[in-house]
Amino acid sequence: MPEEKEKGLKTTTVWLMIGTAVFFDALQILLDFLLMGWLVTIFASMTFWLWFMRHGISFMKPKRIAGSLVTMIIDIVPILGWLAWTVSISTFVLSKKIQDIVPGADITKLDIMNRK
């Protein structure tokens, strides 16, 4: 059975996802002072999972599962997790958008330090 091709993300969707991640991080900062920031992790995880599924992007690939788990673990640590969703979602959606434009490109593997 051939592997199903994933749908692409439109530019407006990318910016809405990044904005939503910033919102979840801001909400978590506020709720951390009430010791309820962990609720944001649950809602953010479900929101982004559903949103990516609606766009045909599966998280059942080892790299994506690892990235999601690392984000959720970092997000649990009070001060360290305040920007976890913004960094994670921005990295993922921008990487996905670049791969749609330039197949095989990956912003997480750019070698900036060894340029001559």
N, C-alpha and C. Protein backbone atom coordinates (compact mmCIF):
# COMPACT_ATOMS: atom_id res chain seq x y z
N MET A 1 0.84 -1.17 0.00
CA MET A 1 0.00 0.00 0.00
C MET A 1 0.89 1.24 0.00
N PRO A 2 0.72 2.16 -0.94
CA PRO A 2 1.58 3.34 -1.00
C PRO A 2 1.34 4.27 0.19
N GLU A 3 2.43 4.95 0.59
CA GLU A 3 2.32 5.87 1.72
C GLU A 3 1.52 7.09 1.30
N GLU A 4 0.60 7.52 2.16
CA GLU A 4 -0.26 8.65 1.87
C GLU A 4 0.54 9.95 1.99
N LYS A 5 0.42 10.80 0.98
CA LYS A 5 1.14 12.07 0.99
C LYS A 5 0.41 13.04 1.93
N GLU A 6 1.20 13.76 2.74
CA GLU A 6 0.61 14.71 3.67
C GLU A 6 0.24 15.99 2.94
N LYS A 7 -0.83 16.61 3.37
CA LYS A 7 -1.25 17.89 2.82
C LYS A 7 -0.29 18.96 3.33
N GLY A 8 -0.22 20.06 2.62
CA GLY A 8 0.63 21.17 3.04
C GLY A 8 -0.12 22.14 3.93
N LEU A 9 0.63 23.03 4.57
CA LEU A 9 0.04 24.07 5.40
C LEU A 9 0.09 25.39 4.65
N LYS A 10 -1.02 26.10 4.65
CA LYS A 10 -1.05 27.43 4.04
C LYS A 10 -0.33 28.40 4.97
N THR A 11 0.15 29.49 4.41
CA THR A 11 0.88 30.49 5.19
C THR A 11 0.03 31.05 6.32
N THR A 12 -1.24 31.29 6.07
CA THR A 12 -2.11 31.82 7.13
C THR A 12 -2.28 30.82 8.26
N THR A 13 -2.35 29.54 7.92
CA THR A 13 -2.46 28.50 8.94
C THR A 13 -1.20 28.44 9.78
N VAL A 14 -0.04 28.58 9.15
CA VAL A 14 1.23 28.58 9.88
C VAL A 14 1.24 29.71 10.90
N TRP A 15 0.86 30.92 10.48
CA TRP A 15 0.86 32.05 11.40
C TRP A 15 -0.19 31.91 12.49
N LEU A 16 -1.34 31.34 12.17
CA LEU A 16 -2.36 31.10 13.20
C LEU A 16 -1.88 30.07 14.23
N MET A 17 -1.17 29.05 13.77
CA MET A 17 -0.62 28.05 14.70
C MET A 17 0.41 28.67 15.63
N ILE A 18 1.30 29.49 15.06
CA ILE A 18 2.31 30.15 15.89
C ILE A 18 1.63 31.10 16.89
N GLY A 19 0.64 31.85 16.44
CA GLY A 19 -0.10 32.74 17.34
C GLY A 19 -0.81 31.97 18.45
N THR A 20 -1.38 30.82 18.11
CA THR A 20 -2.04 29.99 19.11
C THR A 20 -1.03 29.45 20.12
N ALA A 21 0.15 29.09 19.65
CA ALA A 21 1.20 28.61 20.55
C ALA A 21 1.63 29.73 21.51
N VAL A 22 1.75 30.95 21.00
CA VAL A 22 2.09 32.10 21.87
C VAL A 22 0.99 32.30 22.90
N PHE A 23 -0.28 32.18 22.47
CA PHE A 23 -1.40 32.31 23.40
C PHE A 23 -1.33 31.26 24.50
N PHE A 24 -1.08 30.00 24.12
CA PHE A 24 -1.00 28.94 25.12
C PHE A 24 0.15 29.17 26.10
N ASP A 25 1.29 29.67 25.60
CA ASP A 25 2.41 29.96 26.50
C ASP A 25 2.08 31.10 27.45
N ALA A 26 1.42 32.16 26.95
CA ALA A 26 1.02 33.27 27.81
C ALA A 26 0.01 32.80 28.86
N LEU A 27 -0.93 31.98 28.45
CA LEU A 27 -1.92 31.44 29.37
C LEU A 27 -1.24 30.56 30.43
N GLN A 28 -0.25 29.81 30.02
CA GLN A 28 0.46 28.96 30.98
C GLN A 28 1.21 29.80 32.01
N ILE A 29 1.80 30.90 31.57
CA ILE A 29 2.50 31.78 32.51
C ILE A 29 1.53 32.27 33.58
N LEU A 30 0.35 32.70 33.16
CA LEU A 30 -0.66 33.18 34.11
C LEU A 30 -1.14 32.07 35.04
N LEU A 31 -1.38 30.89 34.49
CA LEU A 31 -1.90 29.79 35.30
C LEU A 31 -0.84 29.14 36.18
N ASP A 32 0.43 29.29 35.82
CA ASP A 32 1.50 28.75 36.68
C ASP A 32 1.50 29.40 38.05
N PHE A 33 1.11 30.66 38.11
CA PHE A 33 1.05 31.34 39.40
C PHE A 33 -0.08 30.80 40.28
N LEU A 34 -1.05 30.14 39.66
CA LEU A 34 -2.14 29.50 40.40
C LEU A 34 -1.93 27.99 40.53
N LEU A 35 -0.73 27.54 40.11
CA LEU A 35 -0.36 26.12 40.12
C LEU A 35 -1.28 25.27 39.24
N MET A 36 -1.76 25.86 38.15
CA MET A 36 -2.64 25.14 37.24
C MET A 36 -2.15 25.19 35.80
N GLY A 37 -0.88 25.51 35.60
CA GLY A 37 -0.31 25.59 34.26
C GLY A 37 -0.31 24.27 33.53
N TRP A 38 -0.35 23.17 34.25
CA TRP A 38 -0.36 21.84 33.63
C TRP A 38 -1.61 21.64 32.77
N LEU A 39 -2.69 22.35 33.08
CA LEU A 39 -3.91 22.23 32.27
C LEU A 39 -3.67 22.71 30.83
N VAL A 40 -2.81 23.72 30.69
CA VAL A 40 -2.52 24.25 29.36
C VAL A 40 -1.85 23.18 28.50
N THR A 41 -0.96 22.39 29.11
CA THR A 41 -0.28 21.33 28.36
C THR A 41 -1.28 20.36 27.77
N ILE A 42 -2.28 20.00 28.53
CA ILE A 42 -3.30 19.06 28.06
C ILE A 42 -4.09 19.67 26.90
N PHE A 43 -4.58 20.90 27.08
CA PHE A 43 -5.39 21.54 26.03
C PHE A 43 -4.57 21.88 24.79
N ALA A 44 -3.32 22.33 24.98
CA ALA A 44 -2.47 22.64 23.84
C ALA A 44 -2.15 21.38 23.04
N SER A 45 -1.85 20.29 23.74
CA SER A 45 -1.56 19.03 23.06
C SER A 45 -2.74 18.57 22.22
N MET A 46 -3.92 18.60 22.81
CA MET A 46 -5.11 18.17 22.08
C MET A 46 -5.42 19.11 20.91
N THR A 47 -5.26 20.40 21.12
CA THR A 47 -5.55 21.39 20.07
C THR A 47 -4.64 21.19 18.87
N PHE A 48 -3.32 21.11 19.12
CA PHE A 48 -2.39 20.99 18.00
C PHE A 48 -2.48 19.61 17.35
N TRP A 49 -2.73 18.57 18.12
CA TRP A 49 -2.90 17.24 17.54
C TRP A 49 -4.08 17.25 16.57
N LEU A 50 -5.21 17.79 17.01
CA LEU A 50 -6.41 17.84 16.17
C LEU A 50 -6.17 18.74 14.95
N TRP A 51 -5.54 19.86 15.17
CA TRP A 51 -5.29 20.81 14.08
C TRP A 51 -4.41 20.19 13.01
N PHE A 52 -3.33 19.52 13.41
CA PHE A 52 -2.45 18.87 12.44
C PHE A 52 -3.15 17.70 11.76
N MET A 53 -3.96 16.96 12.49
CA MET A 53 -4.69 15.85 11.89
C MET A 53 -5.67 16.35 10.82
N ARG A 54 -6.31 17.49 11.09
CA ARG A 54 -7.24 18.06 10.12
C ARG A 54 -6.53 18.49 8.84
N HIS A 55 -5.23 18.74 8.92
CA HIS A 55 -4.44 19.13 7.75
C HIS A 55 -3.66 17.95 7.18
N GLY A 56 -3.97 16.76 7.66
CA GLY A 56 -3.36 15.55 7.11
C GLY A 56 -1.93 15.31 7.54
N ILE A 57 -1.50 15.92 8.65
CA ILE A 57 -0.13 15.74 9.14
C ILE A 57 -0.19 14.81 10.34
N SER A 58 0.44 13.67 10.20
CA SER A 58 0.42 12.65 11.25
C SER A 58 1.63 12.79 12.16
N PHE A 59 1.41 12.51 13.44
CA PHE A 59 2.51 12.52 14.41
C PHE A 59 3.02 11.12 14.69
N MET A 60 2.60 10.16 13.88
CA MET A 60 3.01 8.78 14.09
C MET A 60 4.34 8.47 13.40
N LYS A 61 5.21 9.43 13.33
CA LYS A 61 6.56 9.24 12.82
C LYS A 61 7.52 9.46 13.98
N PRO A 62 8.59 8.68 14.09
CA PRO A 62 9.46 8.74 15.26
C PRO A 62 9.97 10.14 15.62
N LYS A 63 10.37 10.93 14.64
CA LYS A 63 10.90 12.27 14.90
C LYS A 63 9.81 13.18 15.48
N ARG A 64 8.60 13.07 14.97
CA ARG A 64 7.50 13.91 15.44
C ARG A 64 7.02 13.48 16.82
N ILE A 65 6.99 12.18 17.07
CA ILE A 65 6.60 11.70 18.40
C ILE A 65 7.61 12.17 19.44
N ALA A 66 8.90 12.05 19.11
CA ALA A 66 9.95 12.48 20.03
C ALA A 66 9.84 13.98 20.31
N GLY A 67 9.64 14.77 19.27
CA GLY A 67 9.50 16.21 19.44
C GLY A 67 8.32 16.58 20.31
N SER A 68 7.20 15.90 20.12
CA SER A 68 6.00 16.16 20.92
C SER A 68 6.22 15.80 22.38
N LEU A 69 6.84 14.66 22.63
CA LEU A 69 7.09 14.24 24.01
C LEU A 69 8.06 15.17 24.72
N VAL A 70 9.11 15.59 24.02
CA VAL A 70 10.07 16.52 24.62
C VAL A 70 9.39 17.83 24.96
N THR A 71 8.54 18.32 24.07
CA THR A 71 7.81 19.57 24.35
C THR A 71 6.93 19.44 25.58
N MET A 72 6.19 18.33 25.69
CA MET A 72 5.31 18.15 26.84
C MET A 72 6.10 18.01 28.14
N ILE A 73 7.26 17.34 28.09
CA ILE A 73 8.07 17.19 29.29
C ILE A 73 8.65 18.54 29.72
N ILE A 74 9.19 19.30 28.77
CA ILE A 74 9.74 20.62 29.08
C ILE A 74 8.63 21.55 29.57
N ASP A 75 7.45 21.40 29.01
CA ASP A 75 6.33 22.26 29.36
C ASP A 75 5.88 22.08 30.80
N ILE A 76 6.16 20.94 31.38
CA ILE A 76 5.76 20.67 32.76
C ILE A 76 6.61 21.46 33.74
N VAL A 77 7.89 21.72 33.40
CA VAL A 77 8.78 22.47 34.28
C VAL A 77 8.34 23.93 34.28
N PRO A 78 7.99 24.50 35.45
CA PRO A 78 7.34 25.82 35.49
C PRO A 78 7.99 26.92 34.66
N ILE A 79 9.15 27.40 34.96
CA ILE A 79 9.70 28.54 34.24
C ILE A 79 10.27 28.12 32.89
N LEU A 80 10.88 26.96 32.82
CA LEU A 80 11.48 26.47 31.58
C LEU A 80 10.44 26.25 30.48
N GLY A 81 9.24 25.87 30.86
CA GLY A 81 8.20 25.54 29.89
C GLY A 81 7.39 26.71 29.38
N TRP A 82 7.72 27.92 29.81
CA TRP A 82 6.91 29.06 29.42
C TRP A 82 6.93 29.36 27.93
N LEU A 83 7.96 28.96 27.22
CA LEU A 83 8.02 29.19 25.78
C LEU A 83 8.07 27.89 24.98
N ALA A 84 7.80 26.78 25.63
CA ALA A 84 7.93 25.47 24.98
C ALA A 84 7.02 25.32 23.76
N TRP A 85 5.77 25.71 23.86
CA TRP A 85 4.85 25.55 22.74
C TRP A 85 5.22 26.46 21.58
N THR A 86 5.60 27.69 21.88
CA THR A 86 5.96 28.62 20.81
C THR A 86 7.17 28.12 20.03
N VAL A 87 8.21 27.69 20.74
CA VAL A 87 9.42 27.21 20.08
C VAL A 87 9.13 25.93 19.29
N SER A 88 8.42 25.00 19.90
CA SER A 88 8.15 23.72 19.26
C SER A 88 7.29 23.86 18.01
N ILE A 89 6.18 24.56 18.13
CA ILE A 89 5.26 24.70 17.00
C ILE A 89 5.90 25.55 15.90
N SER A 90 6.60 26.62 16.28
CA SER A 90 7.27 27.46 15.27
C SER A 90 8.29 26.65 14.49
N THR A 91 9.11 25.88 15.19
CA THR A 91 10.12 25.06 14.54
C THR A 91 9.46 24.04 13.61
N PHE A 92 8.42 23.39 14.09
CA PHE A 92 7.77 22.35 13.30
C PHE A 92 7.09 22.91 12.06
N VAL A 93 6.25 23.94 12.22
CA VAL A 93 5.49 24.43 11.07
C VAL A 93 6.38 25.14 10.06
N LEU A 94 7.39 25.87 10.52
CA LEU A 94 8.30 26.52 9.58
C LEU A 94 9.14 25.49 8.84
N SER A 95 9.55 24.43 9.54
CA SER A 95 10.29 23.35 8.89
C SER A 95 9.41 22.67 7.85
N LYS A 96 8.17 22.41 8.20
CA LYS A 96 7.22 21.78 7.28
C LYS A 96 6.98 22.67 6.07
N LYS A 97 6.84 23.98 6.28
CA LYS A 97 6.60 24.91 5.18
C LYS A 97 7.81 24.96 4.25
N ILE A 98 9.03 24.96 4.82
CA ILE A 98 10.24 24.97 4.01
C ILE A 98 10.35 23.67 3.21
N GLN A 99 9.99 22.54 3.82
CA GLN A 99 10.04 21.26 3.11
C GLN A 99 9.03 21.21 1.98
N ASP A 100 7.90 21.90 2.13
CA ASP A 100 6.92 21.97 1.05
C ASP A 100 7.48 22.75 -0.14
N ILE A 101 8.26 23.79 0.16
CA ILE A 101 8.83 24.63 -0.90
C ILE A 101 10.07 23.98 -1.51
N VAL A 102 10.96 23.49 -0.63
CA VAL A 102 12.22 22.86 -1.07
C VAL A 102 12.25 21.44 -0.50
N PRO A 103 11.83 20.44 -1.26
CA PRO A 103 11.79 19.06 -0.76
C PRO A 103 13.16 18.61 -0.24
N GLY A 104 13.15 18.01 0.94
CA GLY A 104 14.39 17.50 1.54
C GLY A 104 15.09 18.51 2.43
N ALA A 105 14.67 19.78 2.41
CA ALA A 105 15.29 20.79 3.27
C ALA A 105 14.80 20.61 4.71
N ASP A 106 15.65 20.96 5.68
CA ASP A 106 15.28 20.82 7.08
C ASP A 106 15.99 21.89 7.88
N ILE A 107 15.22 22.81 8.50
CA ILE A 107 15.84 23.90 9.26
C ILE A 107 16.53 23.40 10.52
N THR A 108 16.16 22.24 10.99
CA THR A 108 16.80 21.72 12.19
C THR A 108 18.17 21.13 11.89
N LYS A 109 18.52 20.99 10.61
CA LYS A 109 19.82 20.43 10.25
C LYS A 109 20.71 21.42 9.50
N LEU A 110 20.35 22.70 9.52
CA LEU A 110 21.17 23.69 8.83
C LEU A 110 22.52 23.82 9.52
N ASP A 111 23.58 23.88 8.73
CA ASP A 111 24.93 23.96 9.27
C ASP A 111 25.46 25.37 9.05
N ILE A 112 25.13 26.26 9.95
CA ILE A 112 25.51 27.67 9.82
C ILE A 112 26.95 27.89 10.26
N MET A 113 27.42 27.15 11.23
CA MET A 113 28.74 27.38 11.82
C MET A 113 29.88 27.02 10.88
N ASN A 114 29.71 26.11 9.97
CA ASN A 114 30.80 25.64 9.11
C ASN A 114 30.80 26.30 7.74
N ARG A 115 30.16 27.43 7.60
CA ARG A 115 30.15 28.15 6.32
C ARG A 115 31.48 28.85 6.12
N LYS A 116 31.95 28.90 4.88
CA LYS A 116 33.22 29.56 4.57
C LYS A 116 32.99 30.79 3.74
